[in-house]
Amino acid sequence: MPAQKNDAKRFTEVRNSKARRDFFVQDRFEAGIQLKGTEVKSIRAGRAQISDAFAKVEKGEIWLHNAHIEQYAFGNIHNHEARRVRKLLLHRNDIDRIALALEAEGRTLVPLRMYFKGALVKVEVALGAGKKRFDKREDLRKKAEMREVDRALRSRRP
């Protein structure tokens, strides 16, 4: 019998929790990622982390650096290296647009999440401009104000 699609035990996605805190997220792109079989199995088990990851354009290709995909527990001597550099698969016009933005505007290419689309692993990357310390404080202040408003509205309801 095939596995259930809505099975709660199955992995759905890995998110980069630091991305929106540290960057102003602007343009987003969905990219495929070149993986080995044991890496896919580890991601399916939820053993991946992309909070320290970043992407670079090198020789007309985009590479994902510092993404940690744990070694597969049931692998053999051909198991993958946990923090190896992985190639992202995008259309040529997207790569050119990203390269131009990184070069001219001083932005960073940050992975936001890694997820399955059917049987394929996809990575959502975004062009981001770094936030300064005062920008982060402003975001925290806004979040605290919204929390206070929500509390006040909840207390007024019968």
N, C-alpha and C. Protein backbone atom coordinates (compact mmCIF):
# COMPACT_ATOMS: atom_id res chain seq x y z
N MET A 1 0.85 -1.18 0.00
CA MET A 1 0.00 0.00 0.00
C MET A 1 0.89 1.24 0.00
N PRO A 2 0.63 2.24 -0.84
CA PRO A 2 1.47 3.44 -0.89
C PRO A 2 1.31 4.29 0.37
N ALA A 3 2.34 5.07 0.65
CA ALA A 3 2.31 5.95 1.82
C ALA A 3 1.24 7.02 1.66
N GLN A 4 0.67 7.42 2.76
CA GLN A 4 -0.36 8.46 2.75
C GLN A 4 0.29 9.82 2.52
N LYS A 5 -0.36 10.66 1.72
CA LYS A 5 0.20 11.99 1.43
C LYS A 5 0.14 12.90 2.64
N ASN A 6 -0.89 12.77 3.47
CA ASN A 6 -1.07 13.65 4.61
C ASN A 6 -0.55 13.02 5.90
N ASP A 7 0.40 12.12 5.80
CA ASP A 7 0.97 11.48 6.97
C ASP A 7 1.74 12.51 7.79
N ALA A 8 1.40 12.65 9.06
CA ALA A 8 2.02 13.67 9.91
C ALA A 8 3.48 13.37 10.20
N LYS A 9 3.90 12.12 10.12
CA LYS A 9 5.27 11.75 10.43
C LYS A 9 6.23 12.11 9.30
N ARG A 10 5.71 12.31 8.10
CA ARG A 10 6.58 12.57 6.96
C ARG A 10 7.07 14.02 6.98
N PHE A 11 8.28 14.21 6.52
CA PHE A 11 8.91 15.52 6.48
C PHE A 11 8.25 16.41 5.42
N THR A 12 8.09 17.68 5.73
CA THR A 12 7.52 18.60 4.75
C THR A 12 8.54 19.61 4.24
N GLU A 13 9.22 20.33 5.15
CA GLU A 13 10.19 21.31 4.69
C GLU A 13 11.14 21.73 5.80
N VAL A 14 12.27 22.29 5.38
CA VAL A 14 13.25 22.88 6.30
C VAL A 14 13.22 24.37 6.05
N ARG A 15 13.09 25.16 7.10
CA ARG A 15 13.03 26.62 6.96
C ARG A 15 14.29 27.27 7.52
N ASN A 16 14.64 28.40 6.95
CA ASN A 16 15.75 29.21 7.44
C ASN A 16 15.15 30.30 8.32
N SER A 17 15.21 30.09 9.63
CA SER A 17 14.58 31.02 10.56
C SER A 17 15.32 32.35 10.65
N LYS A 18 16.59 32.36 10.32
CA LYS A 18 17.39 33.59 10.44
C LYS A 18 17.24 34.51 9.23
N ALA A 19 16.70 34.02 8.14
CA ALA A 19 16.71 34.79 6.89
C ALA A 19 15.92 36.08 7.01
N ARG A 20 14.70 35.99 7.49
CA ARG A 20 13.86 37.20 7.57
C ARG A 20 14.28 38.12 8.70
N ARG A 21 14.98 37.57 9.69
CA ARG A 21 15.48 38.40 10.77
C ARG A 21 16.69 39.22 10.33
N ASP A 22 17.54 38.63 9.50
CA ASP A 22 18.80 39.28 9.14
C ASP A 22 18.78 40.00 7.79
N PHE A 23 17.75 39.74 6.96
CA PHE A 23 17.72 40.31 5.61
C PHE A 23 16.35 40.85 5.25
N PHE A 24 16.34 41.88 4.41
CA PHE A 24 15.13 42.32 3.74
C PHE A 24 14.99 41.42 2.52
N VAL A 25 14.00 40.54 2.51
CA VAL A 25 13.83 39.56 1.44
C VAL A 25 13.10 40.23 0.28
N GLN A 26 13.67 40.13 -0.93
CA GLN A 26 13.07 40.79 -2.08
C GLN A 26 12.64 39.77 -3.13
N ASP A 27 13.41 39.51 -4.15
CA ASP A 27 13.02 38.59 -5.22
C ASP A 27 13.26 37.15 -4.79
N ARG A 28 12.27 36.29 -5.06
CA ARG A 28 12.38 34.87 -4.72
C ARG A 28 12.46 34.02 -5.97
N PHE A 29 13.20 32.92 -5.87
CA PHE A 29 13.35 31.99 -6.97
C PHE A 29 13.24 30.57 -6.44
N GLU A 30 12.60 29.70 -7.22
CA GLU A 30 12.55 28.28 -6.88
C GLU A 30 13.61 27.57 -7.69
N ALA A 31 14.52 26.89 -7.00
CA ALA A 31 15.63 26.22 -7.67
C ALA A 31 15.64 24.74 -7.32
N GLY A 32 16.03 23.94 -8.29
CA GLY A 32 16.30 22.55 -8.01
C GLY A 32 17.67 22.46 -7.37
N ILE A 33 17.98 21.33 -6.80
CA ILE A 33 19.29 21.17 -6.17
C ILE A 33 19.84 19.80 -6.56
N GLN A 34 21.13 19.78 -6.86
CA GLN A 34 21.78 18.55 -7.29
C GLN A 34 22.25 17.79 -6.04
N LEU A 35 21.62 16.64 -5.77
CA LEU A 35 21.89 15.87 -4.56
C LEU A 35 22.28 14.44 -4.89
N LYS A 36 22.87 13.79 -3.89
CA LYS A 36 23.12 12.36 -3.97
C LYS A 36 21.95 11.64 -3.31
N GLY A 37 21.83 10.34 -3.55
CA GLY A 37 20.70 9.57 -3.03
C GLY A 37 20.60 9.57 -1.52
N THR A 38 21.75 9.47 -0.85
CA THR A 38 21.70 9.45 0.62
C THR A 38 21.31 10.82 1.18
N GLU A 39 21.60 11.89 0.44
CA GLU A 39 21.19 13.22 0.90
C GLU A 39 19.68 13.36 0.84
N VAL A 40 19.07 12.84 -0.20
CA VAL A 40 17.61 12.91 -0.32
C VAL A 40 16.96 12.14 0.82
N LYS A 41 17.52 10.99 1.16
CA LYS A 41 16.97 10.19 2.25
C LYS A 41 17.10 10.92 3.59
N SER A 42 18.20 11.61 3.80
CA SER A 42 18.38 12.38 5.04
C SER A 42 17.41 13.56 5.10
N ILE A 43 17.20 14.23 3.97
CA ILE A 43 16.26 15.35 3.94
C ILE A 43 14.85 14.85 4.20
N ARG A 44 14.50 13.71 3.62
CA ARG A 44 13.17 13.13 3.83
C ARG A 44 12.96 12.78 5.30
N ALA A 45 14.05 12.44 5.99
CA ALA A 45 13.98 12.13 7.43
C ALA A 45 14.00 13.40 8.28
N GLY A 46 14.17 14.56 7.65
CA GLY A 46 14.18 15.83 8.38
C GLY A 46 15.52 16.18 8.98
N ARG A 47 16.60 15.64 8.46
CA ARG A 47 17.94 15.83 9.00
C ARG A 47 18.73 16.85 8.20
N ALA A 48 18.15 18.02 7.94
CA ALA A 48 18.84 19.06 7.19
C ALA A 48 18.71 20.39 7.93
N GLN A 49 19.65 21.29 7.68
CA GLN A 49 19.65 22.60 8.32
C GLN A 49 20.26 23.61 7.36
N ILE A 50 19.55 24.71 7.10
CA ILE A 50 20.03 25.71 6.14
C ILE A 50 20.12 27.11 6.75
N SER A 51 20.12 27.21 8.08
CA SER A 51 20.11 28.54 8.69
C SER A 51 21.44 29.28 8.51
N ASP A 52 22.54 28.58 8.29
CA ASP A 52 23.83 29.22 8.06
C ASP A 52 24.22 29.23 6.59
N ALA A 53 23.34 28.78 5.72
CA ALA A 53 23.68 28.60 4.31
C ALA A 53 23.58 29.92 3.53
N PHE A 54 24.30 29.95 2.43
CA PHE A 54 24.24 31.06 1.49
C PHE A 54 24.57 30.53 0.11
N ALA A 55 24.26 31.30 -0.91
CA ALA A 55 24.53 30.88 -2.28
C ALA A 55 25.43 31.90 -2.96
N LYS A 56 26.25 31.41 -3.89
CA LYS A 56 27.17 32.25 -4.65
C LYS A 56 27.05 31.91 -6.13
N VAL A 57 27.33 32.91 -6.97
CA VAL A 57 27.42 32.67 -8.41
C VAL A 57 28.90 32.50 -8.73
N GLU A 58 29.26 31.34 -9.27
CA GLU A 58 30.64 31.06 -9.63
C GLU A 58 30.67 30.46 -11.03
N LYS A 59 31.35 31.13 -11.94
CA LYS A 59 31.50 30.68 -13.32
C LYS A 59 30.15 30.42 -14.00
N GLY A 60 29.20 31.29 -13.77
CA GLY A 60 27.90 31.19 -14.44
C GLY A 60 26.98 30.15 -13.84
N GLU A 61 27.30 29.60 -12.67
CA GLU A 61 26.46 28.63 -12.00
C GLU A 61 26.26 29.08 -10.56
N ILE A 62 25.15 28.66 -9.96
CA ILE A 62 24.88 29.04 -8.57
C ILE A 62 25.14 27.83 -7.68
N TRP A 63 25.89 28.06 -6.60
CA TRP A 63 26.29 27.00 -5.69
C TRP A 63 25.81 27.33 -4.28
N LEU A 64 25.27 26.34 -3.61
CA LEU A 64 24.79 26.48 -2.23
C LEU A 64 25.91 26.05 -1.28
N HIS A 65 26.36 26.98 -0.45
CA HIS A 65 27.44 26.73 0.49
C HIS A 65 26.89 26.60 1.90
N ASN A 66 27.56 25.80 2.72
CA ASN A 66 27.32 25.74 4.16
C ASN A 66 25.96 25.16 4.55
N ALA A 67 25.27 24.49 3.66
CA ALA A 67 24.02 23.81 4.01
C ALA A 67 24.40 22.46 4.63
N HIS A 68 23.83 22.16 5.77
CA HIS A 68 24.18 20.93 6.47
C HIS A 68 23.09 19.89 6.27
N ILE A 69 23.44 18.80 5.59
CA ILE A 69 22.55 17.66 5.43
C ILE A 69 23.27 16.49 6.09
N GLU A 70 22.70 16.03 7.19
CA GLU A 70 23.33 14.98 7.98
C GLU A 70 23.58 13.72 7.16
N GLN A 71 24.63 13.00 7.50
CA GLN A 71 24.89 11.74 6.81
C GLN A 71 23.76 10.77 7.09
N TYR A 72 23.41 9.99 6.08
CA TYR A 72 22.32 9.04 6.21
C TYR A 72 22.74 7.93 7.18
N ALA A 73 21.88 7.66 8.15
CA ALA A 73 22.20 6.72 9.21
C ALA A 73 22.46 5.30 8.68
N PHE A 74 21.77 4.90 7.63
CA PHE A 74 21.90 3.55 7.11
C PHE A 74 22.76 3.51 5.84
N GLY A 75 23.58 4.56 5.66
CA GLY A 75 24.44 4.61 4.49
C GLY A 75 25.65 3.70 4.64
N ASN A 76 26.47 3.68 3.60
CA ASN A 76 27.66 2.85 3.62
C ASN A 76 28.89 3.73 3.41
N ILE A 77 29.96 3.18 2.88
CA ILE A 77 31.19 3.97 2.70
C ILE A 77 31.03 5.06 1.65
N HIS A 78 30.00 5.00 0.84
CA HIS A 78 29.76 6.00 -0.19
C HIS A 78 28.80 7.09 0.29
N ASN A 79 28.66 7.23 1.60
CA ASN A 79 27.79 8.25 2.16
C ASN A 79 28.35 9.64 1.83
N HIS A 80 27.51 10.64 1.81
CA HIS A 80 27.90 11.99 1.41
C HIS A 80 28.55 12.75 2.56
N GLU A 81 29.26 13.81 2.20
CA GLU A 81 29.84 14.72 3.18
C GLU A 81 28.75 15.69 3.63
N ALA A 82 28.69 16.00 4.91
CA ALA A 82 27.57 16.77 5.46
C ALA A 82 27.50 18.21 4.93
N ARG A 83 28.63 18.89 4.80
CA ARG A 83 28.62 20.31 4.41
C ARG A 83 29.27 20.54 3.06
N ARG A 84 29.04 19.65 2.12
CA ARG A 84 29.63 19.85 0.80
C ARG A 84 28.89 20.94 0.04
N VAL A 85 29.54 21.50 -0.97
CA VAL A 85 28.94 22.54 -1.81
C VAL A 85 28.04 21.85 -2.83
N ARG A 86 26.79 22.36 -2.97
CA ARG A 86 25.81 21.73 -3.85
C ARG A 86 25.36 22.72 -4.92
N LYS A 87 25.17 22.23 -6.12
CA LYS A 87 24.79 23.07 -7.25
C LYS A 87 23.28 23.30 -7.25
N LEU A 88 22.87 24.56 -7.46
CA LEU A 88 21.46 24.89 -7.61
C LEU A 88 21.14 24.97 -9.10
N LEU A 89 19.97 24.49 -9.46
CA LEU A 89 19.57 24.40 -10.86
C LEU A 89 18.50 25.45 -11.15
N LEU A 90 18.85 26.44 -11.96
CA LEU A 90 17.96 27.53 -12.34
C LEU A 90 18.05 27.75 -13.83
N HIS A 91 17.08 28.47 -14.38
CA HIS A 91 17.13 28.86 -15.78
C HIS A 91 18.23 29.90 -15.97
N ARG A 92 18.80 29.94 -17.16
CA ARG A 92 19.90 30.85 -17.46
C ARG A 92 19.52 32.31 -17.23
N ASN A 93 18.31 32.71 -17.63
CA ASN A 93 17.93 34.12 -17.45
C ASN A 93 17.80 34.47 -15.96
N ASP A 94 17.37 33.52 -15.12
CA ASP A 94 17.31 33.75 -13.68
C ASP A 94 18.72 33.88 -13.10
N ILE A 95 19.63 33.04 -13.55
CA ILE A 95 21.01 33.10 -13.08
C ILE A 95 21.64 34.44 -13.45
N ASP A 96 21.40 34.90 -14.68
CA ASP A 96 21.94 36.18 -15.11
C ASP A 96 21.36 37.33 -14.29
N ARG A 97 20.06 37.28 -14.03
CA ARG A 97 19.41 38.33 -13.24
C ARG A 97 19.95 38.35 -11.81
N ILE A 98 20.15 37.17 -11.24
CA ILE A 98 20.70 37.08 -9.88
C ILE A 98 22.13 37.60 -9.85
N ALA A 99 22.94 37.19 -10.82
CA ALA A 99 24.34 37.62 -10.87
C ALA A 99 24.44 39.14 -10.99
N LEU A 100 23.58 39.73 -11.80
CA LEU A 100 23.58 41.18 -11.96
C LEU A 100 23.21 41.88 -10.66
N ALA A 101 22.20 41.36 -9.97
CA ALA A 101 21.77 41.98 -8.71
C ALA A 101 22.83 41.83 -7.63
N LEU A 102 23.49 40.69 -7.58
CA LEU A 102 24.53 40.47 -6.56
C LEU A 102 25.73 41.37 -6.82
N GLU A 103 26.06 41.55 -8.08
CA GLU A 103 27.22 42.35 -8.44
C GLU A 103 26.97 43.84 -8.29
N ALA A 104 25.83 44.31 -8.79
CA ALA A 104 25.58 45.75 -8.85
C ALA A 104 25.02 46.32 -7.54
N GLU A 105 24.14 45.61 -6.92
CA GLU A 105 23.41 46.19 -5.80
C GLU A 105 23.90 45.74 -4.44
N GLY A 106 24.88 44.86 -4.39
CA GLY A 106 25.42 44.44 -3.11
C GLY A 106 24.45 43.63 -2.27
N ARG A 107 23.70 42.78 -2.88
CA ARG A 107 22.76 41.93 -2.15
C ARG A 107 23.38 40.56 -1.88
N THR A 108 22.63 39.74 -1.17
CA THR A 108 23.06 38.38 -0.84
C THR A 108 21.99 37.41 -1.30
N LEU A 109 22.39 36.22 -1.72
CA LEU A 109 21.45 35.18 -2.11
C LEU A 109 21.31 34.21 -0.95
N VAL A 110 20.12 34.20 -0.34
CA VAL A 110 19.87 33.46 0.89
C VAL A 110 18.83 32.37 0.64
N PRO A 111 19.06 31.13 1.08
CA PRO A 111 18.02 30.12 0.99
C PRO A 111 16.97 30.33 2.08
N LEU A 112 15.70 30.33 1.70
CA LEU A 112 14.63 30.52 2.66
C LEU A 112 14.08 29.19 3.18
N ARG A 113 13.91 28.23 2.27
CA ARG A 113 13.39 26.93 2.68
C ARG A 113 13.79 25.87 1.68
N MET A 114 13.79 24.63 2.15
CA MET A 114 14.07 23.46 1.33
C MET A 114 12.88 22.52 1.50
N TYR A 115 12.30 22.09 0.40
CA TYR A 115 11.06 21.32 0.47
C TYR A 115 10.97 20.33 -0.67
N PHE A 116 10.02 19.41 -0.56
CA PHE A 116 9.77 18.44 -1.62
C PHE A 116 8.64 18.93 -2.50
N LYS A 117 8.82 18.78 -3.80
CA LYS A 117 7.77 19.07 -4.78
C LYS A 117 7.65 17.79 -5.58
N GLY A 118 6.69 16.97 -5.19
CA GLY A 118 6.62 15.63 -5.74
C GLY A 118 7.76 14.83 -5.15
N ALA A 119 8.58 14.24 -5.99
CA ALA A 119 9.74 13.48 -5.53
C ALA A 119 11.01 14.30 -5.56
N LEU A 120 10.94 15.55 -6.05
CA LEU A 120 12.12 16.39 -6.21
C LEU A 120 12.31 17.32 -5.01
N VAL A 121 13.55 17.58 -4.66
CA VAL A 121 13.86 18.53 -3.60
C VAL A 121 14.08 19.88 -4.25
N LYS A 122 13.39 20.89 -3.74
CA LYS A 122 13.53 22.26 -4.24
C LYS A 122 14.03 23.16 -3.13
N VAL A 123 14.72 24.22 -3.52
CA VAL A 123 15.20 25.22 -2.57
C VAL A 123 14.66 26.57 -3.01
N GLU A 124 14.02 27.26 -2.10
CA GLU A 124 13.55 28.62 -2.39
C GLU A 124 14.65 29.57 -1.93
N VAL A 125 15.23 30.28 -2.89
CA VAL A 125 16.28 31.26 -2.58
C VAL A 125 15.74 32.65 -2.87
N ALA A 126 16.30 33.62 -2.16
CA ALA A 126 15.83 34.99 -2.33
C ALA A 126 17.01 35.95 -2.30
N LEU A 127 16.87 37.03 -3.05
CA LEU A 127 17.83 38.12 -2.97
C LEU A 127 17.49 38.93 -1.74
N GLY A 128 18.47 39.15 -0.90
CA GLY A 128 18.21 39.88 0.32
C GLY A 128 19.25 40.94 0.58
N ALA A 129 18.80 42.06 1.10
CA ALA A 129 19.70 43.13 1.54
C ALA A 129 19.83 43.02 3.05
N GLY A 130 21.04 43.09 3.55
CA GLY A 130 21.28 42.91 4.98
C GLY A 130 20.63 44.00 5.82
N LYS A 131 20.10 43.60 6.97
CA LYS A 131 19.51 44.55 7.90
C LYS A 131 20.59 45.05 8.86
N LYS A 132 20.45 46.29 9.24
CA LYS A 132 21.32 46.86 10.26
C LYS A 132 20.70 46.58 11.62
N ARG A 133 21.45 46.88 12.68
CA ARG A 133 20.95 46.60 14.03
C ARG A 133 19.67 47.39 14.34
N PHE A 134 19.60 48.65 13.90
CA PHE A 134 18.41 49.44 14.19
C PHE A 134 17.19 48.92 13.43
N ASP A 135 17.40 48.32 12.24
CA ASP A 135 16.29 47.71 11.51
C ASP A 135 15.73 46.53 12.28
N LYS A 136 16.61 45.74 12.87
CA LYS A 136 16.17 44.58 13.65
C LYS A 136 15.41 45.02 14.89
N ARG A 137 15.88 46.09 15.53
CA ARG A 137 15.17 46.60 16.71
C ARG A 137 13.79 47.12 16.33
N GLU A 138 13.70 47.76 15.17
CA GLU A 138 12.41 48.26 14.68
C GLU A 138 11.44 47.11 14.46
N ASP A 139 11.91 46.01 13.87
CA ASP A 139 11.07 44.84 13.66
C ASP A 139 10.58 44.25 14.98
N LEU A 140 11.47 44.18 15.97
CA LEU A 140 11.08 43.66 17.28
C LEU A 140 10.04 44.56 17.94
N ARG A 141 10.20 45.87 17.78
CA ARG A 141 9.24 46.81 18.37
C ARG A 141 7.87 46.64 17.72
N LYS A 142 7.84 46.51 16.38
CA LYS A 142 6.57 46.32 15.68
C LYS A 142 5.90 45.01 16.09
N LYS A 143 6.71 43.97 16.25
CA LYS A 143 6.17 42.67 16.65
C LYS A 143 5.56 42.76 18.06
N ALA A 144 6.22 43.47 18.96
CA ALA A 144 5.71 43.63 20.33
C ALA A 144 4.41 44.43 20.32
N GLU A 145 4.32 45.47 19.49
CA GLU A 145 3.09 46.26 19.40
C GLU A 145 1.94 45.42 18.87
N MET A 146 2.20 44.61 17.86
CA MET A 146 1.14 43.74 17.31
C MET A 146 0.68 42.72 18.36
N ARG A 147 1.60 42.21 19.16
CA ARG A 147 1.24 41.28 20.21
C ARG A 147 0.33 41.94 21.23
N GLU A 148 0.64 43.20 21.60
CA GLU A 148 -0.20 43.95 22.54
C GLU A 148 -1.60 44.19 21.97
N VAL A 149 -1.67 44.52 20.69
CA VAL A 149 -2.97 44.75 20.04
C VAL A 149 -3.78 43.45 20.05
N ASP A 150 -3.15 42.34 19.73
CA ASP A 150 -3.85 41.06 19.74
C ASP A 150 -4.37 40.71 21.13
N ARG A 151 -3.57 40.96 22.16
CA ARG A 151 -4.00 40.70 23.53
C ARG A 151 -5.20 41.57 23.90
N ALA A 152 -5.14 42.83 23.52
CA ALA A 152 -6.24 43.75 23.84
C ALA A 152 -7.52 43.32 23.13
N LEU A 153 -7.42 42.91 21.88
CA LEU A 153 -8.60 42.44 21.15
C LEU A 153 -9.16 41.16 21.75
N ARG A 154 -8.30 40.27 22.16
CA ARG A 154 -8.77 39.01 22.76
C ARG A 154 -9.46 39.24 24.09
N SER A 155 -8.97 40.20 24.86
CA SER A 155 -9.56 40.46 26.19
C SER A 155 -10.92 41.15 26.05
N ARG A 156 -11.19 41.83 24.95
CA ARG A 156 -12.47 42.52 24.75
C ARG A 156 -13.57 41.60 24.27
N ARG A 157 -13.19 40.46 23.72
CA ARG A 157 -14.21 39.53 23.21
C ARG A 157 -14.92 38.85 24.37
N PRO A 158 -16.24 38.65 24.24
CA PRO A 158 -17.00 38.01 25.33
C PRO A 158 -16.74 36.53 25.44
